[in-house]
Amino acid sequence: MGALKRAGLITVARGTGGAELARTPPKEITLLDIYQAVESTNLDDVIGIHERGNHTCPVARNIHDVLKDAYAPVAKAMSDSMREVTLANMLADYRNRIGVKARQLEQ
């Protein structure tokens, strides 16, 4: 909750501890906004590439840049996809799933 508050996505009331969205409507908050608020890893670093090793080895000397260039389109695709999913989308999916489960329990 603290990370979401620091990112300006929610406000937290003192005393009662109630939280609510700081920005409305939920369609303006993307999955990328939430990810960036709560994850310490930048999307560009999701696929870990260890630091350069032995500089005398041609593989160790070049693999970092080779992998970085290869992974860049993957990170961009992830970022683009996360921008398309909004909190409103996720809330609708959640409500739909809860409704289905509730109807199943009644039968």
PDB file of N, CA and C in Angstrom:
ATOM      1  N   MET A   1       0.829  -1.182   0.000  1.00  0.00           N
ATOM      2  CA  MET A   1       0.000   0.000   0.000  1.00  0.00           C
ATOM      3  C   MET A   1       0.878   1.251   0.000  1.00  0.00           C
ATOM      4  N   GLY A   2       1.982   1.185   0.730  1.00  0.00           N
ATOM      5  CA  GLY A   2       2.877   2.328   0.798  1.00  0.00           C
ATOM      6  C   GLY A   2       3.436   2.701  -0.570  1.00  0.00           C
ATOM      7  N   ALA A   3       3.802   1.703  -1.345  1.00  0.00           N
ATOM      8  CA  ALA A   3       4.347   1.964  -2.681  1.00  0.00           C
ATOM      9  C   ALA A   3       3.293   2.586  -3.585  1.00  0.00           C
ATOM     10  N   LEU A   4       2.065   2.112  -3.489  1.00  0.00           N
ATOM     11  CA  LEU A   4       0.979   2.679  -4.293  1.00  0.00           C
ATOM     12  C   LEU A   4       0.695   4.121  -3.882  1.00  0.00           C
ATOM     13  N   LYS A   5       0.801   4.387  -2.585  1.00  0.00           N
ATOM     14  CA  LYS A   5       0.602   5.751  -2.092  1.00  0.00           C
ATOM     15  C   LYS A   5       1.717   6.666  -2.580  1.00  0.00           C
ATOM     16  N   ARG A   6       2.975   6.206  -2.479  1.00  0.00           N
ATOM     17  CA  ARG A   6       4.105   7.019  -2.935  1.00  0.00           C
ATOM     18  C   ARG A   6       4.014   7.322  -4.429  1.00  0.00           C
ATOM     19  N   ALA A   7       3.440   6.403  -5.182  1.00  0.00           N
ATOM     20  CA  ALA A   7       3.288   6.603  -6.626  1.00  0.00           C
ATOM     21  C   ALA A   7       2.106   7.508  -6.952  1.00  0.00           C
ATOM     22  N   GLY A   8       1.323   7.868  -5.938  1.00  0.00           N
ATOM     23  CA  GLY A   8       0.179   8.740  -6.163  1.00  0.00           C
ATOM     24  C   GLY A   8      -1.036   8.035  -6.724  1.00  0.00           C
ATOM     25  N   LEU A   9      -1.058   6.696  -6.620  1.00  0.00           N
ATOM     26  CA  LEU A   9      -2.198   5.943  -7.138  1.00  0.00           C
ATOM     27  C   LEU A   9      -3.334   5.842  -6.130  1.00  0.00           C
ATOM     28  N   ILE A  10      -2.999   5.851  -4.835  1.00  0.00           N
ATOM     29  CA  ILE A  10      -4.016   5.776  -3.791  1.00  0.00           C
ATOM     30  C   ILE A  10      -3.748   6.831  -2.734  1.00  0.00           C
ATOM     31  N   THR A  11      -4.775   7.102  -1.962  1.00  0.00           N
ATOM     32  CA  THR A  11      -4.617   7.909  -0.758  1.00  0.00           C
ATOM     33  C   THR A  11      -5.022   7.020   0.407  1.00  0.00           C
ATOM     34  N   VAL A  12      -4.385   7.236   1.536  1.00  0.00           N
ATOM     35  CA  VAL A  12      -4.683   6.434   2.725  1.00  0.00           C
ATOM     36  C   VAL A  12      -5.101   7.388   3.829  1.00  0.00           C
ATOM     37  N   ALA A  13      -6.280   7.125   4.393  1.00  0.00           N
ATOM     38  CA  ALA A  13      -6.782   7.972   5.472  1.00  0.00           C
ATOM     39  C   ALA A  13      -6.060   7.626   6.766  1.00  0.00           C
ATOM     40  N   ARG A  14      -5.662   8.649   7.496  1.00  0.00           N
ATOM     41  CA  ARG A  14      -5.018   8.420   8.789  1.00  0.00           C
ATOM     42  C   ARG A  14      -6.047   7.913   9.787  1.00  0.00           C
ATOM     43  N   GLY A  15      -5.575   7.110  10.691  1.00  0.00           N
ATOM     44  CA  GLY A  15      -6.449   6.600  11.743  1.00  0.00           C
ATOM     45  C   GLY A  15      -7.177   5.345  11.326  1.00  0.00           C
ATOM     46  N   THR A  16      -8.127   5.488  10.424  1.00  0.00           N
ATOM     47  CA  THR A  16      -8.924   4.329  10.013  1.00  0.00           C
ATOM     48  C   THR A  16      -8.164   3.421   9.056  1.00  0.00           C
ATOM     49  N   GLY A  17      -7.189   3.994   8.363  1.00  0.00           N
ATOM     50  CA  GLY A  17      -6.401   3.191   7.439  1.00  0.00           C
ATOM     51  C   GLY A  17      -7.102   2.886   6.136  1.00  0.00           C
ATOM     52  N   GLY A  18      -8.250   3.491   5.893  1.00  0.00           N
ATOM     53  CA  GLY A  18      -8.959   3.255   4.634  1.00  0.00           C
ATOM     54  C   GLY A  18      -8.187   3.811   3.456  1.00  0.00           C
ATOM     55  N   ALA A  19      -8.223   3.116   2.354  1.00  0.00           N
ATOM     56  CA  ALA A  19      -7.520   3.547   1.149  1.00  0.00           C
ATOM     57  C   ALA A  19      -8.516   3.715   0.016  1.00  0.00           C
ATOM     58  N   GLU A  20      -8.239   4.675  -0.850  1.00  0.00           N
ATOM     59  CA  GLU A  20      -9.061   4.842  -2.047  1.00  0.00           C
ATOM     60  C   GLU A  20      -8.184   5.366  -3.165  1.00  0.00           C
ATOM     61  N   LEU A  21      -8.698   5.241  -4.385  1.00  0.00           N
ATOM     62  CA  LEU A  21      -7.931   5.686  -5.531  1.00  0.00           C
ATOM     63  C   LEU A  21      -7.725   7.191  -5.480  1.00  0.00           C
ATOM     64  N   ALA A  22      -6.510   7.606  -5.779  1.00  0.00           N
ATOM     65  CA  ALA A  22      -6.205   9.032  -5.821  1.00  0.00           C
ATOM     66  C   ALA A  22      -6.577   9.602  -7.183  1.00  0.00           C
ATOM     67  N   ARG A  23      -6.462   8.774  -8.204  1.00  0.00           N
ATOM     68  CA  ARG A  23      -6.845   9.170  -9.559  1.00  0.00           C
ATOM     69  C   ARG A  23      -8.079   8.385  -9.939  1.00  0.00           C
ATOM     70  N   THR A  24      -9.028   9.056 -10.445  1.00  0.00           N
ATOM     71  CA  THR A  24     -10.189   8.352 -10.957  1.00  0.00           C
ATOM     72  C   THR A  24     -10.449   8.836 -12.362  1.00  0.00           C
ATOM     73  N   PRO A  25     -11.039   8.095 -13.178  1.00  0.00           N
ATOM     74  CA  PRO A  25     -11.559   6.753 -12.984  1.00  0.00           C
ATOM     75  C   PRO A  25     -10.469   5.681 -13.137  1.00  0.00           C
ATOM     76  N   PRO A  26     -10.789   4.453 -12.742  1.00  0.00           N
ATOM     77  CA  PRO A  26      -9.815   3.353 -12.832  1.00  0.00           C
ATOM     78  C   PRO A  26      -9.318   3.092 -14.251  1.00  0.00           C
ATOM     79  N   LYS A  27     -10.056   3.557 -15.252  1.00  0.00           N
ATOM     80  CA  LYS A  27      -9.607   3.341 -16.635  1.00  0.00           C
ATOM     81  C   LYS A  27      -8.351   4.151 -16.957  1.00  0.00           C
ATOM     82  N   GLU A  28      -7.985   5.096 -16.069  1.00  0.00           N
ATOM     83  CA  GLU A  28      -6.786   5.893 -16.280  1.00  0.00           C
ATOM     84  C   GLU A  28      -5.550   5.299 -15.600  1.00  0.00           C
ATOM     85  N   ILE A  29      -5.723   4.244 -14.842  1.00  0.00           N
ATOM     86  CA  ILE A  29      -4.601   3.588 -14.163  1.00  0.00           C
ATOM     87  C   ILE A  29      -4.303   2.293 -14.906  1.00  0.00           C
ATOM     88  N   THR A  30      -3.088   2.185 -15.416  1.00  0.00           N
ATOM     89  CA  THR A  30      -2.730   0.995 -16.187  1.00  0.00           C
ATOM     90  C   THR A  30      -1.980  -0.012 -15.329  1.00  0.00           C
ATOM     91  N   LEU A  31      -1.915  -1.218 -15.830  1.00  0.00           N
ATOM     92  CA  LEU A  31      -1.129  -2.256 -15.170  1.00  0.00           C
ATOM     93  C   LEU A  31       0.335  -1.829 -15.091  1.00  0.00           C
ATOM     94  N   LEU A  32       0.803  -1.098 -16.084  1.00  0.00           N
ATOM     95  CA  LEU A  32       2.182  -0.596 -16.052  1.00  0.00           C
ATOM     96  C   LEU A  32       2.364   0.393 -14.902  1.00  0.00           C
ATOM     97  N   ASP A  33       1.381   1.265 -14.662  1.00  0.00           N
ATOM     98  CA  ASP A  33       1.448   2.191 -13.527  1.00  0.00           C
ATOM     99  C   ASP A  33       1.592   1.422 -12.218  1.00  0.00           C
ATOM    100  N   ILE A  34       0.794   0.388 -12.070  1.00  0.00           N
ATOM    101  CA  ILE A  34       0.812  -0.416 -10.841  1.00  0.00           C
ATOM    102  C   ILE A  34       2.137  -1.164 -10.716  1.00  0.00           C
ATOM    103  N   TYR A  35       2.582  -1.773 -11.807  1.00  0.00           N
ATOM    104  CA  TYR A  35       3.856  -2.497 -11.804  1.00  0.00           C
ATOM    105  C   TYR A  35       4.996  -1.577 -11.383  1.00  0.00           C
ATOM    106  N   GLN A  36       5.056  -0.402 -12.011  1.00  0.00           N
ATOM    107  CA  GLN A  36       6.147   0.525 -11.711  1.00  0.00           C
ATOM    108  C   GLN A  36       6.082   1.021 -10.270  1.00  0.00           C
ATOM    109  N   ALA A  37       4.893   1.054  -9.694  1.00  0.00           N
ATOM    110  CA  ALA A  37       4.750   1.497  -8.308  1.00  0.00           C
ATOM    111  C   ALA A  37       5.234   0.439  -7.324  1.00  0.00           C
ATOM    112  N   VAL A  38       4.971  -0.826  -7.601  1.00  0.00           N
ATOM    113  CA  VAL A  38       5.235  -1.864  -6.595  1.00  0.00           C
ATOM    114  C   VAL A  38       6.472  -2.710  -6.857  1.00  0.00           C
ATOM    115  N   GLU A  39       6.998  -2.692  -8.066  1.00  0.00           N
ATOM    116  CA  GLU A  39       8.162  -3.518  -8.379  1.00  0.00           C
ATOM    117  C   GLU A  39       9.426  -2.677  -8.396  1.00  0.00           C
ATOM    118  N   SER A  40      10.480  -3.212  -7.847  1.00  0.00           N
ATOM    119  CA  SER A  40      11.764  -2.502  -7.851  1.00  0.00           C
ATOM    120  C   SER A  40      12.519  -2.725  -9.150  1.00  0.00           C
ATOM    121  N   THR A  41      12.103  -3.710  -9.936  1.00  0.00           N
ATOM    122  CA  THR A  41      12.786  -4.041 -11.178  1.00  0.00           C
ATOM    123  C   THR A  41      12.167  -3.279 -12.338  1.00  0.00           C
ATOM    124  N   ASN A  42      12.987  -2.547 -13.072  1.00  0.00           N
ATOM    125  CA  ASN A  42      12.550  -1.865 -14.274  1.00  0.00           C
ATOM    126  C   ASN A  42      12.245  -2.926 -15.331  1.00  0.00           C
ATOM    127  N   LEU A  43      11.254  -2.698 -16.171  1.00  0.00           N
ATOM    128  CA  LEU A  43      10.923  -3.682 -17.204  1.00  0.00           C
ATOM    129  C   LEU A  43      12.111  -3.990 -18.109  1.00  0.00           C
ATOM    130  N   ASP A  44      12.973  -3.015 -18.321  1.00  0.00           N
ATOM    131  CA  ASP A  44      14.163  -3.270 -19.144  1.00  0.00           C
ATOM    132  C   ASP A  44      15.089  -4.285 -18.492  1.00  0.00           C
ATOM    133  N   ASP A  45      14.944  -4.490 -17.184  1.00  0.00           N
ATOM    134  CA  ASP A  45      15.815  -5.405 -16.455  1.00  0.00           C
ATOM    135  C   ASP A  45      15.105  -6.685 -16.016  1.00  0.00           C
ATOM    136  N   VAL A  46      13.898  -6.923 -16.525  1.00  0.00           N
ATOM    137  CA  VAL A  46      13.138  -8.101 -16.105  1.00  0.00           C
ATOM    138  C   VAL A  46      13.895  -9.380 -16.432  1.00  0.00           C
ATOM    139  N   ILE A  47      14.470  -9.423 -17.609  1.00  0.00           N
ATOM    140  CA  ILE A  47      15.289 -10.576 -17.985  1.00  0.00           C
ATOM    141  C   ILE A  47      16.706 -10.238 -17.551  1.00  0.00           C
ATOM    142  N   GLY A  48      17.139 -10.867 -16.477  1.00  0.00           N
ATOM    143  CA  GLY A  48      18.426 -10.521 -15.884  1.00  0.00           C
ATOM    144  C   GLY A  48      19.609 -10.828 -16.776  1.00  0.00           C
ATOM    145  N   ILE A  49      20.475  -9.869 -16.873  1.00  0.00           N
ATOM    146  CA  ILE A  49      21.740 -10.049 -17.580  1.00  0.00           C
ATOM    147  C   ILE A  49      22.836  -9.709 -16.580  1.00  0.00           C
ATOM    148  N   HIS A  50      23.665 -10.683 -16.257  1.00  0.00           N
ATOM    149  CA  HIS A  50      24.711 -10.421 -15.267  1.00  0.00           C
ATOM    150  C   HIS A  50      25.722  -9.435 -15.838  1.00  0.00           C
ATOM    151  N   GLU A  51      26.433  -8.818 -14.957  1.00  0.00           N
ATOM    152  CA  GLU A  51      27.434  -7.829 -15.368  1.00  0.00           C
ATOM    153  C   GLU A  51      28.543  -8.507 -16.157  1.00  0.00           C
ATOM    154  N   ARG A  52      29.238  -7.702 -16.899  1.00  0.00           N
ATOM    155  CA  ARG A  52      30.335  -8.233 -17.714  1.00  0.00           C
ATOM    156  C   ARG A  52      31.348  -8.946 -16.825  1.00  0.00           C
ATOM    157  N   GLY A  53      31.795 -10.067 -17.304  1.00  0.00           N
ATOM    158  CA  GLY A  53      32.755 -10.860 -16.548  1.00  0.00           C
ATOM    159  C   GLY A  53      34.178 -10.602 -17.000  1.00  0.00           C
ATOM    160  N   ASN A  54      34.860 -11.655 -17.288  1.00  0.00           N
ATOM    161  CA  ASN A  54      36.263 -11.630 -17.685  1.00  0.00           C
ATOM    162  C   ASN A  54      36.423 -10.859 -18.997  1.00  0.00           C
ATOM    163  N   HIS A  55      37.098  -9.721 -18.936  1.00  0.00           N
ATOM    164  CA  HIS A  55      37.236  -8.868 -20.116  1.00  0.00           C
ATOM    165  C   HIS A  55      38.188  -9.436 -21.161  1.00  0.00           C
ATOM    166  N   THR A  56      38.956 -10.456 -20.807  1.00  0.00           N
ATOM    167  CA  THR A  56      39.834 -11.079 -21.793  1.00  0.00           C
ATOM    168  C   THR A  56      39.081 -12.106 -22.629  1.00  0.00           C
ATOM    169  N   CYS A  57      37.926 -12.531 -22.164  1.00  0.00           N
ATOM    170  CA  CYS A  57      37.110 -13.506 -22.893  1.00  0.00           C
ATOM    171  C   CYS A  57      36.197 -12.763 -23.870  1.00  0.00           C
ATOM    172  N   PRO A  58      36.247 -13.095 -25.165  1.00  0.00           N
ATOM    173  CA  PRO A  58      35.409 -12.386 -26.136  1.00  0.00           C
ATOM    174  C   PRO A  58      33.909 -12.568 -25.886  1.00  0.00           C
ATOM    175  N   VAL A  59      33.509 -13.715 -25.379  1.00  0.00           N
ATOM    176  CA  VAL A  59      32.091 -13.931 -25.072  1.00  0.00           C
ATOM    177  C   VAL A  59      31.678 -13.051 -23.897  1.00  0.00           C
ATOM    178  N   ALA A  60      32.416 -13.098 -22.811  1.00  0.00           N
ATOM    179  CA  ALA A  60      32.101 -12.302 -21.633  1.00  0.00           C
ATOM    180  C   ALA A  60      32.129 -10.807 -21.950  1.00  0.00           C
ATOM    181  N   ARG A  61      33.015 -10.421 -22.823  1.00  0.00           N
ATOM    182  CA  ARG A  61      33.167  -9.008 -23.163  1.00  0.00           C
ATOM    183  C   ARG A  61      31.995  -8.494 -24.002  1.00  0.00           C
ATOM    184  N   ASN A  62      31.329  -9.367 -24.752  1.00  0.00           N
ATOM    185  CA  ASN A  62      30.293  -8.929 -25.690  1.00  0.00           C
ATOM    186  C   ASN A  62      28.878  -9.407 -25.388  1.00  0.00           C
ATOM    187  N   ILE A  63      28.726 -10.431 -24.562  1.00  0.00           N
ATOM    188  CA  ILE A  63      27.407 -11.038 -24.375  1.00  0.00           C
ATOM    189  C   ILE A  63      26.388 -10.070 -23.772  1.00  0.00           C
ATOM    190  N   HIS A  64      26.837  -9.187 -22.888  1.00  0.00           N
ATOM    191  CA  HIS A  64      25.933  -8.227 -22.264  1.00  0.00           C
ATOM    192  C   HIS A  64      25.231  -7.378 -23.331  1.00  0.00           C
ATOM    193  N   ASP A  65      25.998  -6.817 -24.250  1.00  0.00           N
ATOM    194  CA  ASP A  65      25.412  -5.971 -25.289  1.00  0.00           C
ATOM    195  C   ASP A  65      24.560  -6.771 -26.268  1.00  0.00           C
ATOM    196  N   VAL A  66      24.995  -7.984 -26.588  1.00  0.00           N
ATOM    197  CA  VAL A  66      24.218  -8.837 -27.492  1.00  0.00           C
ATOM    198  C   VAL A  66      22.855  -9.150 -26.871  1.00  0.00           C
ATOM    199  N   LEU A  67      22.863  -9.566 -25.596  1.00  0.00           N
ATOM    200  CA  LEU A  67      21.602  -9.897 -24.936  1.00  0.00           C
ATOM    201  C   LEU A  67      20.736  -8.663 -24.714  1.00  0.00           C
ATOM    202  N   LYS A  68      21.356  -7.551 -24.359  1.00  0.00           N
ATOM    203  CA  LYS A  68      20.611  -6.311 -24.144  1.00  0.00           C
ATOM    204  C   LYS A  68      19.847  -5.934 -25.412  1.00  0.00           C
ATOM    205  N   ASP A  69      20.513  -6.002 -26.546  1.00  0.00           N
ATOM    206  CA  ASP A  69      19.859  -5.675 -27.816  1.00  0.00           C
ATOM    207  C   ASP A  69      18.763  -6.676 -28.163  1.00  0.00           C
ATOM    208  N   ALA A  70      19.001  -7.945 -27.846  1.00  0.00           N
ATOM    209  CA  ALA A  70      17.998  -8.975 -28.142  1.00  0.00           C
ATOM    210  C   ALA A  70      16.776  -8.856 -27.238  1.00  0.00           C
ATOM    211  N   TYR A  71      16.979  -8.475 -25.987  1.00  0.00           N
ATOM    212  CA  TYR A  71      15.886  -8.391 -25.024  1.00  0.00           C
ATOM    213  C   TYR A  71      15.098  -7.085 -25.107  1.00  0.00           C
ATOM    214  N   ALA A  72      15.652  -6.060 -25.716  1.00  0.00           N
ATOM    215  CA  ALA A  72      14.977  -4.760 -25.780  1.00  0.00           C
ATOM    216  C   ALA A  72      13.567  -4.851 -26.381  1.00  0.00           C
ATOM    217  N   PRO A  73      13.361  -5.569 -27.489  1.00  0.00           N
ATOM    218  CA  PRO A  73      12.006  -5.669 -28.032  1.00  0.00           C
ATOM    219  C   PRO A  73      11.041  -6.417 -27.101  1.00  0.00           C
ATOM    220  N   VAL A  74      11.568  -7.355 -26.322  1.00  0.00           N
ATOM    221  CA  VAL A  74      10.737  -8.095 -25.365  1.00  0.00           C
ATOM    222  C   VAL A  74      10.246  -7.145 -24.274  1.00  0.00           C
ATOM    223  N   ALA A  75      11.145  -6.338 -23.738  1.00  0.00           N
ATOM    224  CA  ALA A  75      10.766  -5.374 -22.700  1.00  0.00           C
ATOM    225  C   ALA A  75       9.766  -4.363 -23.245  1.00  0.00           C
ATOM    226  N   LYS A  76       9.955  -3.921 -24.487  1.00  0.00           N
ATOM    227  CA  LYS A  76       9.023  -2.969 -25.087  1.00  0.00           C
ATOM    228  C   LYS A  76       7.647  -3.604 -25.266  1.00  0.00           C
ATOM    229  N   ALA A  77       7.603  -4.854 -25.706  1.00  0.00           N
ATOM    230  CA  ALA A  77       6.325  -5.552 -25.890  1.00  0.00           C
ATOM    231  C   ALA A  77       5.603  -5.708 -24.549  1.00  0.00           C
ATOM    232  N   MET A  78       6.354  -6.033 -23.497  1.00  0.00           N
ATOM    233  CA  MET A  78       5.750  -6.150 -22.167  1.00  0.00           C
ATOM    234  C   MET A  78       5.179  -4.816 -21.724  1.00  0.00           C
ATOM    235  N   SER A  79       5.939  -3.771 -21.898  1.00  0.00           N
ATOM    236  CA  SER A  79       5.504  -2.440 -21.501  1.00  0.00           C
ATOM    237  C   SER A  79       4.255  -2.024 -22.283  1.00  0.00           C
ATOM    238  N   ASP A  80       4.277  -2.239 -23.583  1.00  0.00           N
ATOM    239  CA  ASP A  80       3.118  -1.889 -24.416  1.00  0.00           C
ATOM    240  C   ASP A  80       1.877  -2.671 -23.992  1.00  0.00           C
ATOM    241  N   SER A  81       2.041  -3.953 -23.711  1.00  0.00           N
ATOM    242  CA  SER A  81       0.908  -4.785 -23.282  1.00  0.00           C
ATOM    243  C   SER A  81       0.356  -4.319 -21.944  1.00  0.00           C
ATOM    244  N   MET A  82       1.245  -3.984 -21.019  1.00  0.00           N
ATOM    245  CA  MET A  82       0.810  -3.542 -19.694  1.00  0.00           C
ATOM    246  C   MET A  82       0.101  -2.186 -19.761  1.00  0.00           C
ATOM    247  N   ARG A  83       0.443  -1.369 -20.734  1.00  0.00           N
ATOM    248  CA  ARG A  83      -0.237  -0.081 -20.919  1.00  0.00           C
ATOM    249  C   ARG A  83      -1.678  -0.271 -21.391  1.00  0.00           C
ATOM    250  N   GLU A  84      -1.944  -1.379 -22.061  1.00  0.00           N
ATOM    251  CA  GLU A  84      -3.279  -1.629 -22.604  1.00  0.00           C
ATOM    252  C   GLU A  84      -4.258  -2.168 -21.565  1.00  0.00           C
ATOM    253  N   VAL A  85      -3.748  -2.693 -20.460  1.00  0.00           N
ATOM    254  CA  VAL A  85      -4.601  -3.242 -19.409  1.00  0.00           C
ATOM    255  C   VAL A  85      -4.797  -2.175 -18.340  1.00  0.00           C
ATOM    256  N   THR A  86      -6.054  -1.858 -18.053  1.00  0.00           N
ATOM    257  CA  THR A  86      -6.326  -0.837 -17.045  1.00  0.00           C
ATOM    258  C   THR A  86      -6.875  -1.485 -15.779  1.00  0.00           C
ATOM    259  N   LEU A  87      -6.864  -0.716 -14.723  1.00  0.00           N
ATOM    260  CA  LEU A  87      -7.470  -1.171 -13.475  1.00  0.00           C
ATOM    261  C   LEU A  87      -8.953  -1.450 -13.703  1.00  0.00           C
ATOM    262  N   ALA A  88      -9.589  -0.664 -14.543  1.00  0.00           N
ATOM    263  CA  ALA A  88     -11.007  -0.898 -14.865  1.00  0.00           C
ATOM    264  C   ALA A  88     -11.186  -2.272 -15.510  1.00  0.00           C
ATOM    265  N   ASN A  89     -10.281  -2.651 -16.421  1.00  0.00           N
ATOM    266  CA  ASN A  89     -10.340  -3.985 -17.043  1.00  0.00           C
ATOM    267  C   ASN A  89     -10.241  -5.083 -15.997  1.00  0.00           C
ATOM    268  N   MET A  90      -9.278  -4.921 -15.076  1.00  0.00           N
ATOM    269  CA  MET A  90      -9.053  -5.945 -14.056  1.00  0.00           C
ATOM    270  C   MET A  90     -10.220  -6.018 -13.075  1.00  0.00           C
ATOM    271  N   LEU A  91     -10.789  -4.868 -12.727  1.00  0.00           N
ATOM    272  CA  LEU A  91     -11.956  -4.861 -11.832  1.00  0.00           C
ATOM    273  C   LEU A  91     -13.150  -5.550 -12.491  1.00  0.00           C
ATOM    274  N   ALA A  92     -13.359  -5.288 -13.767  1.00  0.00           N
ATOM    275  CA  ALA A  92     -14.469  -5.934 -14.485  1.00  0.00           C
ATOM    276  C   ALA A  92     -14.270  -7.442 -14.523  1.00  0.00           C
ATOM    277  N   ASP A  93     -13.043  -7.877 -14.776  1.00  0.00           N
ATOM    278  CA  ASP A  93     -12.746  -9.307 -14.795  1.00  0.00           C
ATOM    279  C   ASP A  93     -12.984  -9.918 -13.423  1.00  0.00           C
ATOM    280  N   TYR A  94     -12.519  -9.243 -12.382  1.00  0.00           N
ATOM    281  CA  TYR A  94     -12.715  -9.731 -11.013  1.00  0.00           C
ATOM    282  C   TYR A  94     -14.202  -9.848 -10.690  1.00  0.00           C
ATOM    283  N   ARG A  95     -14.954  -8.800 -10.971  1.00  0.00           N
ATOM    284  CA  ARG A  95     -16.397  -8.818 -10.672  1.00  0.00           C
ATOM    285  C   ARG A  95     -17.095  -9.919 -11.450  1.00  0.00           C
ATOM    286  N   ASN A  96     -16.695 -10.126 -12.678  1.00  0.00           N
ATOM    287  CA  ASN A  96     -17.274 -11.185 -13.490  1.00  0.00           C
ATOM    288  C   ASN A  96     -16.973 -12.555 -12.889  1.00  0.00           C
ATOM    289  N   ARG A  97     -15.757 -12.760 -12.457  1.00  0.00           N
ATOM    290  CA  ARG A  97     -15.383 -14.048 -11.856  1.00  0.00           C
ATOM    291  C   ARG A  97     -16.119 -14.294 -10.541  1.00  0.00           C
ATOM    292  N   ILE A  98     -16.251 -13.265  -9.732  1.00  0.00           N
ATOM    293  CA  ILE A  98     -16.965 -13.409  -8.467  1.00  0.00           C
ATOM    294  C   ILE A  98     -18.431 -13.728  -8.730  1.00  0.00           C
ATOM    295  N   GLY A  99     -19.012 -13.062  -9.711  1.00  0.00           N
ATOM    296  CA  GLY A  99     -20.399 -13.323 -10.062  1.00  0.00           C
ATOM    297  C   GLY A  99     -20.608 -14.746 -10.523  1.00  0.00           C
ATOM    298  N   VAL A 100     -19.704 -15.254 -11.308  1.00  0.00           N
ATOM    299  CA  VAL A 100     -19.799 -16.645 -11.787  1.00  0.00           C
ATOM    300  C   VAL A 100     -19.710 -17.584 -10.615  1.00  0.00           C
ATOM    301  N   LYS A 101     -18.763 -17.357  -9.717  1.00  0.00           N
ATOM    302  CA  LYS A 101     -18.600 -18.254  -8.568  1.00  0.00           C
ATOM    303  C   LYS A 101     -19.831 -18.193  -7.666  1.00  0.00           C
ATOM    304  N   ALA A 102     -20.380 -17.013  -7.482  1.00  0.00           N
ATOM    305  CA  ALA A 102     -21.563 -16.887  -6.619  1.00  0.00           C
ATOM    306  C   ALA A 102     -22.722 -17.649  -7.223  1.00  0.00           C
ATOM    307  N   ARG A 103     -22.923 -17.562  -8.535  1.00  0.00           N
ATOM    308  CA  ARG A 103     -24.018 -18.290  -9.193  1.00  0.00           C
ATOM    309  C   ARG A 103     -23.794 -19.793  -9.087  1.00  0.00           C
ATOM    310  N   GLN A 104     -22.528 -20.235  -9.211  1.00  0.00           N
ATOM    311  CA  GLN A 104     -22.235 -21.658  -9.097  1.00  0.00           C
ATOM    312  C   GLN A 104     -22.566 -22.175  -7.713  1.00  0.00           C
ATOM    313  N   LEU A 105     -22.314 -21.371  -6.677  1.00  0.00           N
ATOM    314  CA  LEU A 105     -22.598 -21.782  -5.304  1.00  0.00           C
ATOM    315  C   LEU A 105     -24.092 -21.890  -5.053  1.00  0.00           C
ATOM    316  N   GLU A 106     -24.893 -21.071  -5.727  1.00  0.00           N
ATOM    317  CA  GLU A 106     -26.339 -21.090  -5.515  1.00  0.00           C
ATOM    318  C   GLU A 106     -26.990 -22.322  -6.110  1.00  0.00           C
ATOM    319  N   GLN A 107     -26.374 -22.934  -7.111  1.00  0.00           N
ATOM    320  CA  GLN A 107     -26.987 -24.084  -7.802  1.00  0.00           C
ATOM    321  C   GLN A 107     -26.811 -25.362  -7.035  1.00  0.00           C
TER     322      GLN A 107
END
